[in-house]
């Protein structure tokens, strides 16, 4: 891997929209880099902005909110993140892992960091959850890239298992909290 190729993959993974979802296919399919190296470089690039986002979003957003145009852009980004972050609100840190791990538009390390900030999840809890989510996303994207449709099926089964675990965990927590939703429905 040349320095130029390294930088293409690393910076593509560090960018907010492409993240490693774009960097891994770029590395493996276009640049013909071996998948283990592609995965490592993309993972490192995707994780680069996370600590800065988690630690500096508060001060930066306060600074940007002083300029009306920048405040409108910031509020737009935050509103999209809030809408997409429902799984995090419902399932906490496991939801954050799943949110970051889903290789879909407007999910990933950047949006996960914004959601963690908006929900007040402290750095020492959010950072490991985002690391795990980025790792899972990297495995899914690498599988999809290497195996095509078979990779999609494998990734789908793995993701379904994670969603099932999250659902069961959330259900157990609501049962333990004395959720009376079923009794109310029976009375109506």
N, C-alpha and C. Protein backbone atom coordinates (compact mmCIF):
# COMPACT_ATOMS: atom_id res chain seq x y z
N UNK A 1 0.85 -1.16 0.00
CA UNK A 1 0.00 0.00 0.00
C UNK A 1 0.90 1.24 0.00
N UNK A 2 0.65 2.11 -0.94
CA UNK A 2 1.43 3.35 -1.02
C UNK A 2 0.87 4.36 -0.02
N UNK A 3 1.62 5.41 0.23
CA UNK A 3 1.16 6.46 1.13
C UNK A 3 -0.11 7.11 0.56
N UNK A 4 -0.14 7.30 -0.74
CA UNK A 4 -1.32 7.89 -1.38
C UNK A 4 -2.56 7.02 -1.17
N UNK A 5 -2.40 5.71 -1.34
CA UNK A 5 -3.53 4.79 -1.13
C UNK A 5 -3.96 4.78 0.34
N UNK A 6 -2.97 4.77 1.23
CA UNK A 6 -3.26 4.81 2.66
C UNK A 6 -4.10 6.04 2.99
N UNK A 7 -3.67 7.20 2.50
CA UNK A 7 -4.38 8.44 2.80
C UNK A 7 -5.78 8.45 2.21
N UNK A 8 -5.96 7.91 1.00
CA UNK A 8 -7.30 7.83 0.40
C UNK A 8 -8.25 7.03 1.29
N UNK A 9 -7.79 5.87 1.73
CA UNK A 9 -8.64 5.01 2.56
C UNK A 9 -8.86 5.64 3.93
N UNK A 10 -7.80 6.12 4.55
CA UNK A 10 -7.88 6.70 5.90
C UNK A 10 -8.79 7.92 5.92
N UNK A 11 -8.62 8.83 4.96
CA UNK A 11 -9.41 10.05 4.95
C UNK A 11 -10.86 9.80 4.53
N UNK A 12 -11.07 8.82 3.64
CA UNK A 12 -12.44 8.45 3.29
C UNK A 12 -13.16 7.92 4.52
N UNK A 13 -12.47 7.12 5.33
CA UNK A 13 -13.07 6.57 6.55
C UNK A 13 -13.30 7.64 7.60
N UNK A 14 -12.46 8.66 7.63
CA UNK A 14 -12.60 9.73 8.62
C UNK A 14 -13.69 10.73 8.24
N UNK A 15 -14.09 10.75 6.98
CA UNK A 15 -15.10 11.71 6.51
C UNK A 15 -16.49 11.34 7.04
N UNK A 16 -17.32 12.36 7.31
CA UNK A 16 -18.60 12.10 7.97
C UNK A 16 -19.62 11.30 7.18
N UNK A 17 -19.66 11.34 5.90
CA UNK A 17 -20.70 10.62 5.17
C UNK A 17 -20.24 9.24 4.72
N UNK A 18 -19.04 9.15 4.20
CA UNK A 18 -18.57 7.86 3.69
C UNK A 18 -18.15 6.92 4.80
N UNK A 19 -17.42 7.42 5.78
CA UNK A 19 -16.89 6.63 6.89
C UNK A 19 -16.27 5.33 6.35
N UNK A 20 -16.23 4.29 7.16
CA UNK A 20 -15.60 3.05 6.66
C UNK A 20 -16.50 2.31 5.68
N UNK A 21 -17.78 2.69 5.63
CA UNK A 21 -18.70 2.08 4.68
C UNK A 21 -18.29 2.37 3.24
N UNK A 22 -17.63 3.48 3.03
CA UNK A 22 -17.10 3.81 1.72
C UNK A 22 -15.64 3.45 1.57
N UNK A 23 -14.91 3.50 2.68
CA UNK A 23 -13.46 3.29 2.64
C UNK A 23 -13.09 1.84 2.37
N UNK A 24 -13.79 0.91 2.97
CA UNK A 24 -13.44 -0.51 2.78
C UNK A 24 -13.67 -0.96 1.35
N UNK A 25 -14.84 -0.70 0.75
CA UNK A 25 -14.99 -1.07 -0.68
C UNK A 25 -13.98 -0.37 -1.58
N UNK A 26 -13.69 0.90 -1.28
CA UNK A 26 -12.68 1.63 -2.05
C UNK A 26 -11.34 0.90 -1.98
N UNK A 27 -10.94 0.52 -0.78
CA UNK A 27 -9.64 -0.13 -0.59
C UNK A 27 -9.58 -1.50 -1.25
N UNK A 28 -10.62 -2.30 -1.04
CA UNK A 28 -10.59 -3.68 -1.53
C UNK A 28 -10.88 -3.76 -3.02
N UNK A 29 -11.92 -3.08 -3.48
CA UNK A 29 -12.36 -3.22 -4.87
C UNK A 29 -11.60 -2.31 -5.83
N UNK A 30 -11.39 -1.07 -5.45
CA UNK A 30 -10.75 -0.13 -6.37
C UNK A 30 -9.22 -0.14 -6.26
N UNK A 31 -8.72 -0.15 -5.04
CA UNK A 31 -7.27 -0.07 -4.85
C UNK A 31 -6.62 -1.44 -4.70
N UNK A 32 -7.43 -2.48 -4.61
CA UNK A 32 -6.97 -3.88 -4.51
C UNK A 32 -6.00 -4.09 -3.34
N UNK A 33 -6.38 -3.53 -2.20
CA UNK A 33 -5.61 -3.70 -0.97
C UNK A 33 -6.16 -4.93 -0.26
N UNK A 34 -5.31 -5.72 0.34
CA UNK A 34 -5.74 -6.91 1.07
C UNK A 34 -6.73 -6.51 2.17
N UNK A 35 -7.77 -7.33 2.34
CA UNK A 35 -8.84 -6.94 3.25
C UNK A 35 -8.40 -6.71 4.70
N UNK A 36 -7.45 -7.46 5.27
CA UNK A 36 -7.09 -7.15 6.66
C UNK A 36 -6.50 -5.75 6.82
N UNK A 37 -5.65 -5.37 5.88
CA UNK A 37 -5.05 -4.04 5.92
C UNK A 37 -6.10 -2.96 5.64
N UNK A 38 -6.98 -3.23 4.68
CA UNK A 38 -8.07 -2.29 4.37
C UNK A 38 -8.94 -2.07 5.60
N UNK A 39 -9.28 -3.15 6.29
CA UNK A 39 -10.11 -3.06 7.49
C UNK A 39 -9.41 -2.22 8.56
N UNK A 40 -8.14 -2.50 8.83
CA UNK A 40 -7.42 -1.78 9.88
C UNK A 40 -7.29 -0.29 9.59
N UNK A 41 -6.94 0.05 8.36
CA UNK A 41 -6.77 1.46 8.00
C UNK A 41 -8.12 2.18 8.05
N UNK A 42 -9.17 1.54 7.55
CA UNK A 42 -10.50 2.15 7.57
C UNK A 42 -11.01 2.31 9.01
N UNK A 43 -10.79 1.29 9.83
CA UNK A 43 -11.20 1.35 11.23
C UNK A 43 -10.50 2.52 11.93
N UNK A 44 -9.20 2.62 11.76
CA UNK A 44 -8.44 3.70 12.39
C UNK A 44 -8.91 5.06 11.89
N UNK A 45 -9.14 5.18 10.60
CA UNK A 45 -9.62 6.45 10.05
C UNK A 45 -10.99 6.82 10.57
N UNK A 46 -11.88 5.82 10.68
CA UNK A 46 -13.23 6.10 11.15
C UNK A 46 -13.24 6.50 12.63
N UNK A 47 -12.31 5.96 13.41
CA UNK A 47 -12.26 6.27 14.83
C UNK A 47 -11.57 7.61 15.12
N UNK A 48 -10.77 8.11 14.20
CA UNK A 48 -10.02 9.35 14.43
C UNK A 48 -10.89 10.51 14.93
N UNK A 49 -12.01 10.82 14.29
CA UNK A 49 -12.77 11.99 14.75
C UNK A 49 -13.59 11.78 16.02
N UNK A 50 -13.82 10.52 16.40
CA UNK A 50 -14.75 10.23 17.50
C UNK A 50 -14.37 10.91 18.82
N UNK A 51 -13.14 10.78 19.32
CA UNK A 51 -12.84 11.44 20.60
C UNK A 51 -13.00 12.96 20.53
N UNK A 52 -12.64 13.53 19.39
CA UNK A 52 -12.78 14.98 19.23
C UNK A 52 -14.25 15.38 19.23
N UNK A 53 -15.09 14.59 18.54
CA UNK A 53 -16.52 14.88 18.51
C UNK A 53 -17.12 14.77 19.91
N UNK A 54 -16.81 13.68 20.60
CA UNK A 54 -17.38 13.48 21.93
C UNK A 54 -16.94 14.55 22.93
N UNK A 55 -15.70 14.97 22.83
CA UNK A 55 -15.17 15.94 23.80
C UNK A 55 -15.43 17.39 23.43
N UNK A 56 -15.55 17.68 22.13
CA UNK A 56 -15.61 19.08 21.70
C UNK A 56 -16.94 19.53 21.12
N UNK A 57 -17.92 18.63 20.97
CA UNK A 57 -19.19 19.04 20.39
C UNK A 57 -19.88 20.12 21.22
N UNK A 58 -19.81 20.01 22.53
CA UNK A 58 -20.43 21.02 23.40
C UNK A 58 -19.86 22.40 23.17
N UNK A 59 -18.55 22.58 23.36
CA UNK A 59 -17.97 23.91 23.15
C UNK A 59 -18.13 24.42 21.70
N UNK A 60 -17.97 23.52 20.74
CA UNK A 60 -18.08 23.95 19.33
C UNK A 60 -19.51 24.36 19.02
N UNK A 61 -20.49 23.60 19.49
CA UNK A 61 -21.88 23.95 19.19
C UNK A 61 -22.27 25.27 19.85
N UNK A 62 -21.76 25.53 21.06
CA UNK A 62 -22.04 26.82 21.71
C UNK A 62 -21.43 27.96 20.92
N UNK A 63 -20.24 27.75 20.39
CA UNK A 63 -19.57 28.78 19.60
C UNK A 63 -20.31 29.02 18.28
N UNK A 64 -20.64 27.93 17.57
CA UNK A 64 -21.31 28.06 16.27
C UNK A 64 -22.72 28.63 16.40
N UNK A 65 -23.38 28.37 17.53
CA UNK A 65 -24.76 28.83 17.70
C UNK A 65 -24.86 30.36 17.79
N UNK A 66 -23.74 31.03 17.96
CA UNK A 66 -23.72 32.50 17.99
C UNK A 66 -23.92 33.11 16.62
N UNK A 67 -23.65 32.32 15.56
CA UNK A 67 -23.82 32.81 14.19
C UNK A 67 -25.12 32.20 13.65
N UNK A 68 -26.12 33.03 13.33
CA UNK A 68 -27.44 32.50 12.97
C UNK A 68 -27.43 31.43 11.85
N UNK A 69 -26.67 31.65 10.81
CA UNK A 69 -26.64 30.67 9.71
C UNK A 69 -26.05 29.35 10.19
N UNK A 70 -24.95 29.41 10.92
CA UNK A 70 -24.32 28.21 11.44
C UNK A 70 -25.21 27.53 12.48
N UNK A 71 -25.93 28.32 13.26
CA UNK A 71 -26.85 27.75 14.24
C UNK A 71 -27.96 26.96 13.55
N UNK A 72 -28.50 27.48 12.45
CA UNK A 72 -29.54 26.76 11.69
C UNK A 72 -29.01 25.45 11.15
N UNK A 73 -27.79 25.45 10.61
CA UNK A 73 -27.17 24.22 10.09
C UNK A 73 -26.95 23.23 11.22
N UNK A 74 -26.45 23.71 12.33
CA UNK A 74 -26.20 22.86 13.49
C UNK A 74 -27.50 22.25 14.01
N UNK A 75 -28.54 23.06 14.10
CA UNK A 75 -29.83 22.54 14.58
C UNK A 75 -30.41 21.51 13.61
N UNK A 76 -30.18 21.71 12.31
CA UNK A 76 -30.63 20.74 11.30
C UNK A 76 -29.91 19.41 11.49
N UNK A 77 -28.58 19.46 11.66
CA UNK A 77 -27.80 18.23 11.89
C UNK A 77 -28.25 17.55 13.17
N UNK A 78 -28.47 18.32 14.22
CA UNK A 78 -28.90 17.75 15.50
C UNK A 78 -30.30 17.14 15.38
N UNK A 79 -31.20 17.77 14.61
CA UNK A 79 -32.55 17.23 14.50
C UNK A 79 -32.54 15.90 13.74
N UNK A 80 -31.72 15.79 12.71
CA UNK A 80 -31.60 14.52 11.99
C UNK A 80 -31.03 13.45 12.92
N UNK A 81 -30.04 13.83 13.69
CA UNK A 81 -29.43 12.88 14.62
C UNK A 81 -30.42 12.43 15.68
N UNK A 82 -31.24 13.36 16.18
CA UNK A 82 -32.24 13.00 17.19
C UNK A 82 -33.26 12.03 16.61
N UNK A 83 -33.71 12.30 15.39
CA UNK A 83 -34.70 11.43 14.75
C UNK A 83 -34.15 10.02 14.56
N UNK A 84 -32.89 9.92 14.16
CA UNK A 84 -32.27 8.62 13.90
C UNK A 84 -31.83 7.93 15.18
N UNK A 85 -31.72 8.66 16.28
CA UNK A 85 -31.16 8.11 17.50
C UNK A 85 -32.16 7.46 18.44
N UNK A 86 -33.37 7.17 17.98
CA UNK A 86 -34.38 6.56 18.83
C UNK A 86 -33.94 5.25 19.46
N UNK A 87 -33.21 4.46 18.70
CA UNK A 87 -32.73 3.17 19.21
C UNK A 87 -31.78 3.38 20.38
N UNK A 88 -31.04 4.47 20.36
CA UNK A 88 -30.11 4.76 21.46
C UNK A 88 -30.91 5.18 22.69
N UNK A 89 -31.93 6.00 22.49
CA UNK A 89 -32.77 6.41 23.62
C UNK A 89 -33.44 5.20 24.27
N UNK A 90 -33.85 4.27 23.46
CA UNK A 90 -34.59 3.11 23.98
C UNK A 90 -33.68 2.08 24.64
N UNK A 91 -32.53 1.79 24.03
CA UNK A 91 -31.69 0.69 24.49
C UNK A 91 -30.36 1.13 25.11
N UNK A 92 -30.13 2.42 25.24
CA UNK A 92 -28.92 2.90 25.90
C UNK A 92 -27.66 2.58 25.12
N UNK A 93 -26.65 2.08 25.83
CA UNK A 93 -25.36 1.82 25.20
C UNK A 93 -25.45 0.72 24.14
N UNK A 94 -26.26 -0.31 24.38
CA UNK A 94 -26.43 -1.34 23.35
C UNK A 94 -27.05 -0.73 22.11
N UNK A 95 -27.98 0.18 22.30
CA UNK A 95 -28.58 0.89 21.18
C UNK A 95 -27.56 1.73 20.43
N UNK A 96 -26.63 2.34 21.16
CA UNK A 96 -25.57 3.12 20.52
C UNK A 96 -24.67 2.22 19.69
N UNK A 97 -24.32 1.06 20.24
CA UNK A 97 -23.52 0.08 19.48
C UNK A 97 -24.25 -0.28 18.19
N UNK A 98 -25.53 -0.65 18.31
CA UNK A 98 -26.31 -1.06 17.13
C UNK A 98 -26.45 0.08 16.13
N UNK A 99 -26.69 1.29 16.64
CA UNK A 99 -26.85 2.45 15.77
C UNK A 99 -25.60 2.69 14.93
N UNK A 100 -24.45 2.61 15.56
CA UNK A 100 -23.19 2.83 14.85
C UNK A 100 -22.89 1.66 13.92
N UNK A 101 -23.27 0.44 14.32
CA UNK A 101 -22.95 -0.76 13.55
C UNK A 101 -23.78 -0.90 12.27
N UNK A 102 -24.95 -0.29 12.22
CA UNK A 102 -25.82 -0.43 11.05
C UNK A 102 -25.17 0.27 9.86
N UNK A 103 -24.82 -0.49 8.82
CA UNK A 103 -24.23 0.18 7.65
C UNK A 103 -25.31 0.77 6.75
N UNK A 104 -25.89 1.86 7.21
CA UNK A 104 -26.96 2.54 6.48
C UNK A 104 -26.66 4.04 6.46
N UNK A 105 -27.32 4.77 5.57
CA UNK A 105 -27.10 6.22 5.54
C UNK A 105 -27.48 6.88 6.88
N UNK A 106 -26.74 7.87 7.26
CA UNK A 106 -26.94 8.68 8.46
C UNK A 106 -26.87 7.84 9.74
N UNK A 107 -26.07 6.80 9.71
CA UNK A 107 -25.69 6.08 10.93
C UNK A 107 -24.18 5.96 10.88
N UNK A 108 -23.57 5.65 11.97
CA UNK A 108 -22.12 5.49 11.99
C UNK A 108 -21.50 6.26 13.12
N UNK A 109 -20.19 6.36 13.09
CA UNK A 109 -19.44 6.95 14.19
C UNK A 109 -19.74 8.45 14.36
N UNK A 110 -19.86 9.17 13.27
CA UNK A 110 -20.13 10.60 13.37
C UNK A 110 -21.49 10.85 14.00
N UNK A 111 -22.53 10.26 13.43
CA UNK A 111 -23.88 10.48 13.94
C UNK A 111 -24.02 9.87 15.33
N UNK A 112 -23.39 8.70 15.56
CA UNK A 112 -23.41 8.10 16.88
C UNK A 112 -22.79 9.01 17.93
N UNK A 113 -21.71 9.69 17.57
CA UNK A 113 -21.08 10.64 18.49
C UNK A 113 -22.00 11.82 18.78
N UNK A 114 -22.68 12.30 17.74
CA UNK A 114 -23.62 13.41 17.93
C UNK A 114 -24.79 12.98 18.82
N UNK A 115 -25.33 11.78 18.57
CA UNK A 115 -26.43 11.27 19.39
C UNK A 115 -25.98 11.11 20.84
N UNK A 116 -24.79 10.56 21.05
CA UNK A 116 -24.27 10.39 22.41
C UNK A 116 -24.16 11.76 23.10
N UNK A 117 -23.69 12.75 22.38
CA UNK A 117 -23.60 14.11 22.93
C UNK A 117 -24.99 14.63 23.28
N UNK A 118 -25.93 14.51 22.36
CA UNK A 118 -27.28 15.04 22.58
C UNK A 118 -27.98 14.35 23.75
N UNK A 119 -27.69 13.08 23.96
CA UNK A 119 -28.33 12.33 25.05
C UNK A 119 -27.54 12.42 26.35
N UNK A 120 -26.41 13.12 26.32
CA UNK A 120 -25.62 13.31 27.53
C UNK A 120 -24.88 12.06 27.99
N UNK A 121 -24.57 11.17 27.06
CA UNK A 121 -23.80 9.97 27.42
C UNK A 121 -22.34 10.38 27.57
N UNK A 122 -21.78 10.12 28.72
CA UNK A 122 -20.42 10.57 28.99
C UNK A 122 -19.40 9.82 28.14
N UNK A 123 -18.27 10.47 27.93
CA UNK A 123 -17.21 9.97 27.05
C UNK A 123 -16.80 8.54 27.40
N UNK A 124 -16.56 8.27 28.68
CA UNK A 124 -16.03 6.96 29.07
C UNK A 124 -17.01 5.82 28.79
N UNK A 125 -18.28 6.13 28.58
CA UNK A 125 -19.27 5.11 28.23
C UNK A 125 -19.53 5.10 26.72
N UNK A 126 -19.56 6.27 26.11
CA UNK A 126 -19.88 6.37 24.69
C UNK A 126 -18.74 5.86 23.81
N UNK A 127 -17.51 6.21 24.17
CA UNK A 127 -16.37 5.86 23.31
C UNK A 127 -16.24 4.35 23.10
N UNK A 128 -16.26 3.52 24.15
CA UNK A 128 -16.17 2.07 23.90
C UNK A 128 -17.35 1.53 23.09
N UNK A 129 -18.54 2.08 23.31
CA UNK A 129 -19.71 1.63 22.54
C UNK A 129 -19.54 1.95 21.05
N UNK A 130 -19.01 3.13 20.76
CA UNK A 130 -18.79 3.52 19.37
C UNK A 130 -17.67 2.69 18.75
N UNK A 131 -16.62 2.40 19.51
CA UNK A 131 -15.55 1.52 19.01
C UNK A 131 -16.14 0.17 18.60
N UNK A 132 -16.95 -0.42 19.47
CA UNK A 132 -17.56 -1.72 19.16
C UNK A 132 -18.47 -1.62 17.95
N UNK A 133 -19.26 -0.56 17.87
CA UNK A 133 -20.14 -0.37 16.72
C UNK A 133 -19.38 -0.23 15.41
N UNK A 134 -18.29 0.54 15.42
CA UNK A 134 -17.47 0.71 14.22
C UNK A 134 -16.83 -0.63 13.84
N UNK A 135 -16.38 -1.38 14.84
CA UNK A 135 -15.80 -2.70 14.55
C UNK A 135 -16.83 -3.61 13.87
N UNK A 136 -18.04 -3.67 14.42
CA UNK A 136 -19.10 -4.50 13.83
C UNK A 136 -19.42 -4.03 12.42
N UNK A 137 -19.54 -2.70 12.24
CA UNK A 137 -19.81 -2.16 10.91
C UNK A 137 -18.70 -2.55 9.94
N UNK A 138 -17.45 -2.50 10.41
CA UNK A 138 -16.32 -2.90 9.57
C UNK A 138 -16.40 -4.35 9.16
N UNK A 139 -16.78 -5.22 10.09
CA UNK A 139 -16.93 -6.65 9.77
C UNK A 139 -18.04 -6.84 8.74
N UNK A 140 -19.15 -6.15 8.95
CA UNK A 140 -20.28 -6.28 8.01
C UNK A 140 -19.89 -5.79 6.63
N UNK A 141 -19.30 -4.61 6.55
CA UNK A 141 -18.94 -4.03 5.25
C UNK A 141 -17.86 -4.86 4.57
N UNK A 142 -16.89 -5.34 5.34
CA UNK A 142 -15.85 -6.19 4.75
C UNK A 142 -16.46 -7.48 4.21
N UNK A 143 -17.38 -8.08 4.98
CA UNK A 143 -18.06 -9.30 4.53
C UNK A 143 -18.84 -9.05 3.25
N UNK A 144 -19.60 -7.98 3.24
CA UNK A 144 -20.38 -7.65 2.05
C UNK A 144 -19.48 -7.42 0.84
N UNK A 145 -18.37 -6.75 1.07
CA UNK A 145 -17.45 -6.46 -0.02
C UNK A 145 -16.79 -7.72 -0.55
N UNK A 146 -16.40 -8.61 0.34
CA UNK A 146 -15.69 -9.82 -0.07
C UNK A 146 -16.61 -10.91 -0.63
N UNK A 147 -17.78 -11.04 -0.05
CA UNK A 147 -18.61 -12.19 -0.37
C UNK A 147 -19.85 -11.83 -1.19
N UNK A 148 -20.12 -10.59 -1.36
CA UNK A 148 -21.28 -10.18 -2.14
C UNK A 148 -22.59 -10.55 -1.45
N UNK A 149 -23.49 -11.23 -2.15
CA UNK A 149 -24.80 -11.58 -1.60
C UNK A 149 -24.71 -12.52 -0.41
N UNK A 150 -23.78 -13.45 -0.44
CA UNK A 150 -23.59 -14.33 0.72
C UNK A 150 -23.17 -13.50 1.92
N UNK A 151 -22.33 -12.53 1.70
CA UNK A 151 -21.93 -11.65 2.79
C UNK A 151 -23.11 -10.87 3.33
N UNK A 152 -24.00 -10.44 2.44
CA UNK A 152 -25.20 -9.73 2.88
C UNK A 152 -26.07 -10.62 3.75
N UNK A 153 -26.21 -11.88 3.36
CA UNK A 153 -27.03 -12.82 4.15
C UNK A 153 -26.41 -13.05 5.53
N UNK A 154 -25.11 -13.27 5.56
CA UNK A 154 -24.42 -13.49 6.84
C UNK A 154 -24.54 -12.25 7.72
N UNK A 155 -24.29 -11.09 7.14
CA UNK A 155 -24.40 -9.85 7.91
C UNK A 155 -25.83 -9.64 8.39
N UNK A 156 -26.81 -9.97 7.57
CA UNK A 156 -28.21 -9.83 7.96
C UNK A 156 -28.58 -10.71 9.13
N UNK A 157 -28.10 -11.95 9.12
CA UNK A 157 -28.37 -12.86 10.24
C UNK A 157 -27.71 -12.34 11.51
N UNK A 158 -26.47 -11.88 11.40
CA UNK A 158 -25.78 -11.34 12.56
C UNK A 158 -26.48 -10.11 13.11
N UNK A 159 -26.91 -9.23 12.23
CA UNK A 159 -27.61 -8.02 12.66
C UNK A 159 -28.95 -8.37 13.29
N UNK A 160 -29.66 -9.32 12.69
CA UNK A 160 -30.94 -9.75 13.26
C UNK A 160 -30.75 -10.30 14.67
N UNK A 161 -29.66 -11.03 14.88
CA UNK A 161 -29.37 -11.56 16.21
C UNK A 161 -29.13 -10.42 17.20
N UNK A 162 -28.39 -9.40 16.78
CA UNK A 162 -28.15 -8.25 17.66
C UNK A 162 -29.44 -7.51 17.98
N UNK A 163 -30.30 -7.34 16.99
CA UNK A 163 -31.58 -6.67 17.22
C UNK A 163 -32.44 -7.48 18.17
N UNK A 164 -32.45 -8.80 18.01
CA UNK A 164 -33.22 -9.67 18.90
C UNK A 164 -32.72 -9.55 20.33
N UNK A 165 -31.41 -9.57 20.51
CA UNK A 165 -30.84 -9.41 21.85
C UNK A 165 -31.25 -8.06 22.44
N UNK A 166 -31.17 -7.00 21.65
CA UNK A 166 -31.55 -5.67 22.13
C UNK A 166 -33.03 -5.64 22.49
N UNK A 167 -33.86 -6.24 21.66
CA UNK A 167 -35.30 -6.27 21.93
C UNK A 167 -35.59 -7.02 23.23
N UNK A 168 -34.99 -8.18 23.39
CA UNK A 168 -35.22 -8.98 24.59
C UNK A 168 -34.70 -8.27 25.83
N UNK A 169 -33.57 -7.61 25.70
CA UNK A 169 -33.02 -6.86 26.83
C UNK A 169 -33.96 -5.72 27.22
N UNK A 170 -34.44 -4.99 26.23
CA UNK A 170 -35.37 -3.89 26.49
C UNK A 170 -36.68 -4.38 27.09
N UNK A 171 -37.15 -5.51 26.63
CA UNK A 171 -38.39 -6.09 27.15
C UNK A 171 -38.20 -6.52 28.61
N UNK A 172 -37.07 -7.13 28.91
CA UNK A 172 -36.78 -7.55 30.28
C UNK A 172 -36.67 -6.34 31.21
N UNK A 173 -36.08 -5.26 30.71
CA UNK A 173 -35.95 -4.06 31.54
C UNK A 173 -37.31 -3.44 31.81
N UNK A 174 -38.19 -3.42 30.81
CA UNK A 174 -39.52 -2.84 31.02
C UNK A 174 -40.35 -3.73 31.93
N UNK A 175 -40.19 -5.06 31.85
CA UNK A 175 -40.90 -5.96 32.75
C UNK A 175 -40.43 -5.76 34.18
N UNK A 176 -39.13 -5.58 34.37
CA UNK A 176 -38.56 -5.38 35.70
C UNK A 176 -39.00 -4.05 36.30
N UNK A 177 -39.27 -3.07 35.45
CA UNK A 177 -39.69 -1.76 35.92
C UNK A 177 -41.18 -1.72 36.26
N UNK A 178 -41.86 -2.86 36.06
CA UNK A 178 -43.29 -2.91 36.38
C UNK A 178 -44.16 -2.32 35.30
N UNK A 179 -43.80 -2.50 34.06
CA UNK A 179 -44.57 -1.98 32.93
C UNK A 179 -45.96 -2.60 32.96
N UNK A 180 -46.99 -1.75 32.99
CA UNK A 180 -48.37 -2.24 33.04
C UNK A 180 -49.08 -1.99 31.73
N UNK A 181 -48.33 -1.90 30.65
CA UNK A 181 -48.93 -1.61 29.35
C UNK A 181 -49.99 -2.61 28.95
N UNK A 182 -49.79 -3.89 29.25
CA UNK A 182 -50.76 -4.91 28.87
C UNK A 182 -52.04 -4.78 29.65
N UNK A 183 -51.98 -4.40 30.95
CA UNK A 183 -53.18 -4.26 31.76
C UNK A 183 -54.02 -3.10 31.28
N UNK A 184 -53.40 -2.02 30.87
CA UNK A 184 -54.13 -0.87 30.37
C UNK A 184 -54.86 -1.23 29.10
N UNK A 185 -54.19 -1.99 28.21
CA UNK A 185 -54.81 -2.37 26.94
C UNK A 185 -56.01 -3.27 27.18
N UNK A 186 -55.96 -4.14 28.21
CA UNK A 186 -57.06 -5.04 28.49
C UNK A 186 -58.27 -4.29 29.04
N UNK A 187 -58.04 -3.20 29.77
CA UNK A 187 -59.13 -2.45 30.36
C UNK A 187 -59.86 -1.60 29.34
N UNK A 188 -59.20 -1.20 28.27
CA UNK A 188 -59.79 -0.31 27.27
C UNK A 188 -60.66 -1.04 26.36
